Amino acid sequence: DLQNAIKGARELKEDHSCTDIDVIAQEILVEMVFQLGKNGVSKFRNMWKALSEKNYIGASYEMLDSRWAKQTPNRAKSMAELMKQCSQG
C-alpha cells in the first residue's frame, strides 16, 4: 500500500510540474495519496497550482478548503501546518 502511495504521489507531482518541491511537502502528498487515493488527491486543483509555484502557505489553505478536511479535521490540520512550515525551509 505504501509503495502504491509513493508511486501515485510521484505521478501526481510529475503531472503538475511539482517534482522539485520540499521533501516534507512530498511526504505529505504520499500520506494524502495513502489516505485518499491518487484520484482523490488529483482533485485538489488549487493545491497543485500553489505547489507548482512553491507556495506552501497557499497549498496549506487549499488542503483545509476541502471535504477531506471536514471529514478528518485533526489530520488535515496537522498536515496543513506541516505544509505551511515548508515555506520557512
C-alpha atoms as a PDB file:
ATOM      1  CA  ASP A   1       0.000   0.000   0.000  1.00  0.00           C
ATOM      2  CA  LEU A   2       2.788   2.406   0.899  1.00  0.00           C
ATOM      3  CA  GLN A   3       4.605   1.680  -2.367  1.00  0.00           C
ATOM      4  CA  ASN A   4       1.400   2.434  -4.290  1.00  0.00           C
ATOM      5  CA  ALA A   5       1.017   5.723  -2.399  1.00  0.00           C
ATOM      6  CA  ILE A   6       4.623   6.697  -3.165  1.00  0.00           C
ATOM      7  CA  LYS A   7       4.139   5.824  -6.840  1.00  0.00           C
ATOM      8  CA  GLY A   8       0.837   7.715  -7.019  1.00  0.00           C
ATOM      9  CA  ALA A   9       2.309  10.805  -5.356  1.00  0.00           C
ATOM     10  CA  ARG A  10       5.294  10.727  -7.730  1.00  0.00           C
ATOM     11  CA  GLU A  11       2.994  10.511 -10.767  1.00  0.00           C
ATOM     12  CA  LEU A  12       0.850  13.398  -9.496  1.00  0.00           C
ATOM     13  CA  LYS A  13       3.935  15.546  -8.842  1.00  0.00           C
ATOM     14  CA  GLU A  14       5.084  14.901 -12.422  1.00  0.00           C
ATOM     15  CA  ASP A  15       1.616  15.638 -13.814  1.00  0.00           C
ATOM     16  CA  HIS A  16       1.560  19.009 -12.018  1.00  0.00           C
ATOM     17  CA  SER A  17       5.224  20.025 -12.526  1.00  0.00           C
ATOM     18  CA  CYS A  18       5.951  19.741  -8.802  1.00  0.00           C
ATOM     19  CA  THR A  19       8.906  17.358  -8.827  1.00  0.00           C
ATOM     20  CA  ASP A  20      11.285  19.757  -7.065  1.00  0.00           C
ATOM     21  CA  ILE A  21       9.139  20.708  -4.074  1.00  0.00           C
ATOM     22  CA  ASP A  22      10.236  20.478  -0.441  1.00  0.00           C
ATOM     23  CA  VAL A  23      10.853  16.951   0.889  1.00  0.00           C
ATOM     24  CA  ILE A  24       8.309  17.403   3.697  1.00  0.00           C
ATOM     25  CA  ALA A  25       5.705  18.519   1.137  1.00  0.00           C
ATOM     26  CA  GLN A  26       6.442  15.364  -0.854  1.00  0.00           C
ATOM     27  CA  GLU A  27       5.924  13.220   2.256  1.00  0.00           C
ATOM     28  CA  ILE A  28       2.616  14.983   2.930  1.00  0.00           C
ATOM     29  CA  LEU A  29       1.482  14.146  -0.594  1.00  0.00           C
ATOM     30  CA  VAL A  30       2.378  10.476  -0.072  1.00  0.00           C
ATOM     31  CA  GLU A  31       0.309  10.436   3.118  1.00  0.00           C
ATOM     32  CA  MET A  32      -2.603  12.123   1.347  1.00  0.00           C
ATOM     33  CA  VAL A  33      -2.469   9.593  -1.515  1.00  0.00           C
ATOM     34  CA  PHE A  34      -2.298   6.777   1.042  1.00  0.00           C
ATOM     35  CA  GLN A  35      -5.492   8.060   2.678  1.00  0.00           C
ATOM     36  CA  LEU A  36      -7.452   9.429  -0.308  1.00  0.00           C
ATOM     37  CA  GLY A  37      -6.013   7.584  -3.284  1.00  0.00           C
ATOM     38  CA  LYS A  38      -4.317   9.108  -6.296  1.00  0.00           C
ATOM     39  CA  ASN A  39      -7.623  10.082  -7.866  1.00  0.00           C
ATOM     40  CA  GLY A  40      -8.805  11.829  -4.699  1.00  0.00           C
ATOM     41  CA  VAL A  41      -5.635  13.894  -4.346  1.00  0.00           C
ATOM     42  CA  SER A  42      -5.687  14.786  -8.043  1.00  0.00           C
ATOM     43  CA  LYS A  43      -8.867  16.785  -7.365  1.00  0.00           C
ATOM     44  CA  PHE A  44      -7.016  19.305  -5.154  1.00  0.00           C
ATOM     45  CA  ARG A  45      -6.511  21.540  -8.205  1.00  0.00           C
ATOM     46  CA  ASN A  46      -5.774  24.765  -6.325  1.00  0.00           C
ATOM     47  CA  MET A  47      -3.344  22.978  -4.011  1.00  0.00           C
ATOM     48  CA  TRP A  48      -1.456  21.653  -7.036  1.00  0.00           C
ATOM     49  CA  LYS A  49      -1.363  25.124  -8.584  1.00  0.00           C
ATOM     50  CA  ALA A  50       0.065  26.548  -5.353  1.00  0.00           C
ATOM     51  CA  LEU A  51       2.637  23.746  -5.117  1.00  0.00           C
ATOM     52  CA  SER A  52       3.750  24.308  -8.708  1.00  0.00           C
ATOM     53  CA  GLU A  53       4.572  27.873  -7.607  1.00  0.00           C
ATOM     54  CA  LYS A  54       6.207  26.589  -4.373  1.00  0.00           C
ATOM     55  CA  ASN A  55       3.516  28.490  -2.484  1.00  0.00           C
ATOM     56  CA  TYR A  56       3.353  26.182   0.529  1.00  0.00           C
ATOM     57  CA  ILE A  57       1.184  28.534   2.568  1.00  0.00           C
ATOM     58  CA  GLY A  58      -1.363  28.711  -0.245  1.00  0.00           C
ATOM     59  CA  ALA A  59      -1.223  24.927  -0.614  1.00  0.00           C
ATOM     60  CA  SER A  60      -1.912  24.527   3.099  1.00  0.00           C
ATOM     61  CA  TYR A  61      -5.025  26.722   2.858  1.00  0.00           C
ATOM     62  CA  GLU A  62      -6.258  24.741  -0.146  1.00  0.00           C
ATOM     63  CA  MET A  63      -5.790  21.490   1.788  1.00  0.00           C
ATOM     64  CA  LEU A  64      -8.100  22.839   4.505  1.00  0.00           C
ATOM     65  CA  ASP A  65     -10.683  24.022   1.966  1.00  0.00           C
ATOM     66  CA  SER A  66     -11.873  20.503   1.219  1.00  0.00           C
ATOM     67  CA  ARG A  67     -14.327  17.810   2.151  1.00  0.00           C
ATOM     68  CA  TRP A  68     -11.328  15.774   3.351  1.00  0.00           C
ATOM     69  CA  ALA A  69     -10.544  18.475   5.956  1.00  0.00           C
ATOM     70  CA  LYS A  70     -14.131  18.371   7.185  1.00  0.00           C
ATOM     71  CA  GLN A  71     -14.106  14.555   7.416  1.00  0.00           C
ATOM     72  CA  THR A  72     -10.705  14.223   9.135  1.00  0.00           C
ATOM     73  CA  PRO A  73     -10.087  17.674  10.620  1.00  0.00           C
ATOM     74  CA  ASN A  74      -7.261  16.792  13.005  1.00  0.00           C
ATOM     75  CA  ARG A  75      -5.203  15.019  10.370  1.00  0.00           C
ATOM     76  CA  ALA A  76      -5.867  17.706   7.768  1.00  0.00           C
ATOM     77  CA  LYS A  77      -4.919  20.497  10.177  1.00  0.00           C
ATOM     78  CA  SER A  78      -1.674  18.854  11.252  1.00  0.00           C
ATOM     79  CA  MET A  79      -0.686  18.091   7.658  1.00  0.00           C
ATOM     80  CA  ALA A  80      -1.602  21.611   6.517  1.00  0.00           C
ATOM     81  CA  GLU A  81       0.518  23.035   9.343  1.00  0.00           C
ATOM     82  CA  LEU A  82       3.478  20.939   8.191  1.00  0.00           C
ATOM     83  CA  MET A  83       2.911  22.146   4.629  1.00  0.00           C
ATOM     84  CA  LYS A  84       2.896  25.768   5.816  1.00  0.00           C
ATOM     85  CA  GLN A  85       6.235  25.218   7.571  1.00  0.00           C
ATOM     86  CA  CYS A  86       7.825  24.198   4.254  1.00  0.00           C
ATOM     87  CA  SER A  87       7.791  27.887   3.314  1.00  0.00           C
ATOM     88  CA  GLN A  88      10.263  28.578   6.110  1.00  0.00           C
ATOM     89  CA  GLY A  89      12.636  25.970   4.621  1.00  0.00           C
END
